[in-house]
């Protein structure tokens, strides 16, 4: 057929580079082009570089089996040219029972297919890849001194950012050194952010009124220009 939205040219085929299924599971792979004109496409599927007889449709289906493990391709052509889409198929096996197939771990992710927690950070590889989007091969990818497990389960910080709240104090410093909130730029809500309190004013980032004079640190610094560390700034 014809599609007025297609652009004249060779077929443009978008496919995954890897497919898998459990043993005995029905598998259907489609190579229908997303663009290319004219649309009188011709198809030929290949396994291990050998053309598959009669596999000349836009889709190819089979029952999952390790017999089909290996490299596949499909050639799609029209009168303007041809496109070869390459992909791999492997029947699903999961030696460490972490929810990721052995082939995906060893070939695509670089994780250990015999260990459910490749980096030893107490988060399993599947959760790191698909739940938290952290690195399954590094226990602290943001380099802030807190493990992914602690960031996710204890502190609720971002394991991919060393400074979750963007206040210029890294998460480790907030949690371990200063006991401030790594998810809030101003832990004590005194209008002065944690970094400025610690680095510039030496005020207590966990107490709104460091000198306990009834004026919080933000009022003293921003409104009255008084000393937030002295009850009586001018000594009168």
Protein backbone atom coordinates (compact mmCIF):
# COMPACT_ATOMS: atom_id res chain seq x y z
CA UNK A 1 0.00 0.00 0.00
CA UNK A 2 0.95 3.67 0.05
CA UNK A 3 1.26 6.13 2.88
CA UNK A 4 1.44 9.85 2.06
CA UNK A 5 3.41 10.42 5.27
CA UNK A 6 6.27 8.17 4.16
CA UNK A 7 9.35 9.87 2.70
CA UNK A 8 10.77 8.58 -0.57
CA UNK A 9 13.85 6.51 0.12
CA UNK A 10 15.08 3.12 1.34
CA UNK A 11 13.25 1.44 4.22
CA UNK A 12 13.97 2.70 7.74
CA UNK A 13 13.65 -0.18 10.18
CA UNK A 14 13.74 0.29 13.96
CA UNK A 15 14.29 -2.91 15.95
CA UNK A 16 15.77 -3.92 19.28
CA UNK A 17 19.29 -5.30 19.17
CA UNK A 18 18.41 -8.18 21.50
CA UNK A 19 15.39 -10.42 22.00
CA UNK A 20 14.84 -13.21 24.49
CA UNK A 21 12.06 -15.50 25.64
CA UNK A 22 11.62 -18.49 27.88
CA UNK A 23 11.96 -21.97 26.50
CA UNK A 24 8.74 -22.87 24.67
CA UNK A 25 7.41 -19.31 24.63
CA UNK A 26 5.91 -18.01 21.38
CA UNK A 27 8.11 -15.24 19.98
CA UNK A 28 7.08 -12.74 17.31
CA UNK A 29 9.57 -10.25 15.84
CA UNK A 30 8.46 -7.46 13.53
CA UNK A 31 10.52 -5.65 10.91
CA UNK A 32 7.84 -3.33 9.53
CA UNK A 33 9.60 -0.11 8.43
CA UNK A 34 8.79 3.16 10.18
CA UNK A 35 9.56 5.06 7.00
CA UNK A 36 10.62 4.63 3.39
CA UNK A 37 8.81 4.92 0.08
CA UNK A 38 7.63 3.23 -2.07
CA UNK A 39 6.18 0.80 0.45
CA UNK A 40 6.21 -2.36 -1.65
CA UNK A 41 8.77 -3.77 0.81
CA UNK A 42 10.47 -7.12 0.30
CA UNK A 43 11.70 -9.08 3.34
CA UNK A 44 14.26 -11.83 3.93
CA UNK A 45 15.14 -13.14 7.40
CA UNK A 46 18.53 -14.68 8.24
CA UNK A 47 19.87 -16.80 11.09
CA UNK A 48 23.64 -17.05 11.56
CA UNK A 49 23.95 -15.39 8.11
CA UNK A 50 21.93 -18.12 6.40
CA UNK A 51 18.68 -17.12 4.69
CA UNK A 52 15.67 -18.81 6.25
CA UNK A 53 13.54 -20.47 3.55
CA UNK A 54 10.10 -18.92 3.08
CA UNK A 55 10.82 -16.31 5.80
CA UNK A 56 9.81 -13.44 3.55
CA UNK A 57 7.11 -11.69 5.60
CA UNK A 58 7.28 -8.52 7.67
CA UNK A 59 7.25 -10.62 10.85
CA UNK A 60 8.92 -13.83 11.90
CA UNK A 61 7.62 -16.10 14.64
CA UNK A 62 8.95 -19.19 16.37
CA UNK A 63 8.70 -21.11 19.62
CA UNK A 64 11.56 -20.11 21.93
CA UNK A 65 14.38 -22.61 22.12
CA UNK A 66 18.14 -22.57 22.63
CA UNK A 67 18.31 -24.02 19.10
CA UNK A 68 17.67 -20.49 17.89
CA UNK A 69 20.34 -18.83 20.02
CA UNK A 70 22.66 -16.60 18.04
CA UNK A 71 22.82 -13.72 15.60
CA UNK A 72 19.89 -12.87 13.38
CA UNK A 73 19.16 -10.27 10.74
CA UNK A 74 16.42 -9.17 8.39
CA UNK A 75 16.87 -7.48 5.06
CA UNK A 76 14.13 -5.07 4.04
CA UNK A 77 14.23 -3.53 0.58
CA UNK A 78 12.24 -1.44 -1.84
CA UNK A 79 13.02 0.06 -5.23
CA UNK A 80 15.07 2.82 -3.52
CA UNK A 81 17.45 0.53 -1.63
CA UNK A 82 17.72 -1.89 1.26
CA UNK A 83 18.26 -1.95 5.01
CA UNK A 84 19.80 -4.73 7.08
CA UNK A 85 18.72 -4.88 10.73
CA UNK A 86 20.89 -7.02 13.00
CA UNK A 87 19.84 -8.51 16.34
CA UNK A 88 20.56 -11.38 18.70
CA UNK A 89 18.18 -13.89 20.24
CA UNK A 90 18.81 -16.11 23.25
CA UNK A 91 16.47 -18.28 25.23
CA UNK A 92 16.09 -16.94 28.76
CA UNK A 93 18.23 -18.42 31.52
CA UNK A 94 18.97 -16.79 34.87
CA UNK A 95 21.65 -18.58 36.89
CA UNK A 96 21.66 -16.14 39.83
CA UNK A 97 17.86 -15.67 39.90
CA UNK A 98 18.11 -11.86 39.92
CA UNK A 99 15.57 -11.33 37.15
CA UNK A 100 18.17 -10.60 34.46
CA UNK A 101 19.05 -13.21 31.87
CA UNK A 102 22.59 -14.59 31.77
CA UNK A 103 23.12 -13.32 28.24
CA UNK A 104 21.90 -9.81 29.09
CA UNK A 105 24.20 -9.70 32.13
CA UNK A 106 27.35 -11.04 30.52
CA UNK A 107 27.02 -9.39 27.11
CA UNK A 108 24.97 -6.21 27.46
CA UNK A 109 25.28 -5.06 31.09
CA UNK A 110 28.72 -6.31 32.11
CA UNK A 111 27.32 -7.75 35.35
CA UNK A 112 28.10 -11.15 36.83
CA UNK A 113 25.46 -13.68 35.75
CA UNK A 114 26.40 -15.83 38.75
CA UNK A 115 25.89 -13.09 41.35
CA UNK A 116 22.56 -11.39 42.02
CA UNK A 117 24.43 -8.35 43.38
CA UNK A 118 27.45 -7.81 41.14
CA UNK A 119 28.80 -4.74 42.94
CA UNK A 120 28.04 -5.97 46.46
CA UNK A 121 26.02 -2.91 47.50
CA UNK A 122 23.03 -4.96 48.74
CA UNK A 123 20.82 -3.92 45.84
CA UNK A 124 20.26 -6.70 43.35
CA UNK A 125 21.24 -6.14 39.74
CA UNK A 126 17.68 -6.12 38.41
CA UNK A 127 16.58 -3.39 40.83
CA UNK A 128 19.62 -1.28 40.00
CA UNK A 129 18.96 -1.50 36.27
CA UNK A 130 15.16 -1.23 36.13
CA UNK A 131 13.99 0.27 39.44
CA UNK A 132 16.64 2.71 40.66
CA UNK A 133 18.57 3.27 37.38
CA UNK A 134 21.85 2.98 39.25
CA UNK A 135 25.01 1.21 38.16
CA UNK A 136 24.92 -2.52 38.93
CA UNK A 137 28.72 -2.63 38.63
CA UNK A 138 29.59 0.25 41.01
CA UNK A 139 28.41 0.47 44.63
CA UNK A 140 28.69 4.28 44.69
CA UNK A 141 28.43 5.65 41.12
CA UNK A 142 28.05 9.29 42.21
CA UNK A 143 31.19 9.11 44.35
CA UNK A 144 29.69 10.81 47.40
CA UNK A 145 30.78 8.17 49.91
CA UNK A 146 27.29 6.73 50.43
CA UNK A 147 26.46 3.36 48.91
CA UNK A 148 23.50 3.01 46.57
CA UNK A 149 21.75 0.88 49.20
CA UNK A 150 22.08 3.58 51.88
CA UNK A 151 21.00 6.32 49.50
CA UNK A 152 17.92 4.44 48.32
CA UNK A 153 16.79 2.70 51.51
CA UNK A 154 18.11 4.86 54.37
CA UNK A 155 18.54 8.48 53.29
CA UNK A 156 16.16 8.67 50.30
CA UNK A 157 18.82 10.57 48.37
CA UNK A 158 19.62 10.36 44.68
CA UNK A 159 22.26 7.64 44.14
CA UNK A 160 23.18 9.24 40.81
CA UNK A 161 23.84 12.72 42.23
CA UNK A 162 26.46 13.49 44.88
CA UNK A 163 24.45 16.54 45.99
CA UNK A 164 20.78 15.59 45.95
CA UNK A 165 19.39 18.93 47.12
CA UNK A 166 21.84 21.06 45.13
CA UNK A 167 23.03 23.13 48.11
CA UNK A 168 26.76 22.60 47.40
CA UNK A 169 27.19 20.16 50.29
CA UNK A 170 27.50 16.60 49.09
CA UNK A 171 25.19 13.98 50.53
CA UNK A 172 27.92 12.34 52.62
CA UNK A 173 28.87 15.65 54.27
CA UNK A 174 25.23 16.36 55.09
CA UNK A 175 24.49 12.91 56.47
CA UNK A 176 27.76 12.03 58.21
CA UNK A 177 29.56 15.30 58.96
CA UNK A 178 26.89 17.94 59.61
CA UNK A 179 23.72 15.86 60.25
CA UNK A 180 21.79 18.17 57.95
CA UNK A 181 19.00 17.07 55.63
CA UNK A 182 20.47 16.03 52.25
CA UNK A 183 17.06 16.54 50.66
CA UNK A 184 16.58 20.15 51.80
CA UNK A 185 18.79 23.11 50.99
CA UNK A 186 17.81 24.83 54.25
CA UNK A 187 17.48 22.22 56.97
CA UNK A 188 16.43 24.62 59.76
CA UNK A 189 14.22 26.81 57.52
CA UNK A 190 15.95 30.04 58.58
CA UNK A 191 16.25 31.37 54.98
CA UNK A 192 20.02 30.67 54.88
CA UNK A 193 21.00 27.53 53.02
CA UNK A 194 23.06 24.85 54.73
CA UNK A 195 26.22 25.53 52.71
CA UNK A 196 26.23 29.26 53.53
CA UNK A 197 25.60 28.60 57.22
CA UNK A 198 28.53 26.20 57.46
CA UNK A 199 31.05 27.83 55.12
CA UNK A 200 30.33 31.57 55.36
CA UNK A 201 28.52 32.33 58.61
CA UNK A 202 29.58 29.43 60.85
CA UNK A 203 26.01 29.28 62.14
CA UNK A 204 24.24 26.07 63.08
CA UNK A 205 22.45 24.70 60.00
CA UNK A 206 20.21 22.61 62.24
CA UNK A 207 19.05 25.45 64.48
CA UNK A 208 17.20 28.45 63.10
CA UNK A 209 18.45 30.77 65.87
CA UNK A 210 22.09 29.92 66.47
CA UNK A 211 22.64 32.42 69.28
CA UNK A 212 19.20 31.90 70.83
CA UNK A 213 18.40 35.61 70.96
CA UNK A 214 14.90 35.38 69.54
CA UNK A 215 15.88 36.35 66.00
CA UNK A 216 16.51 33.52 63.58
CA UNK A 217 19.74 33.53 61.59
CA UNK A 218 18.02 34.63 58.39
CA UNK A 219 16.53 37.69 60.09
CA UNK A 220 19.86 38.68 61.59
CA UNK A 221 21.79 38.29 58.35
CA UNK A 222 19.25 39.41 55.77
CA UNK A 223 17.11 41.97 57.60
CA UNK A 224 19.10 43.49 60.46
CA UNK A 225 22.74 42.82 59.50
CA UNK A 226 23.36 41.74 63.08
CA UNK A 227 25.69 38.94 64.17
CA UNK A 228 23.78 35.62 64.27
CA UNK A 229 26.41 34.24 66.67
CA UNK A 230 26.14 37.05 69.22
CA UNK A 231 23.09 37.78 71.42
CA UNK A 232 24.19 41.41 71.64
CA UNK A 233 25.93 42.36 68.41
CA UNK A 234 27.01 45.87 69.48
CA UNK A 235 27.74 45.00 73.12
CA UNK A 236 25.36 47.57 74.57
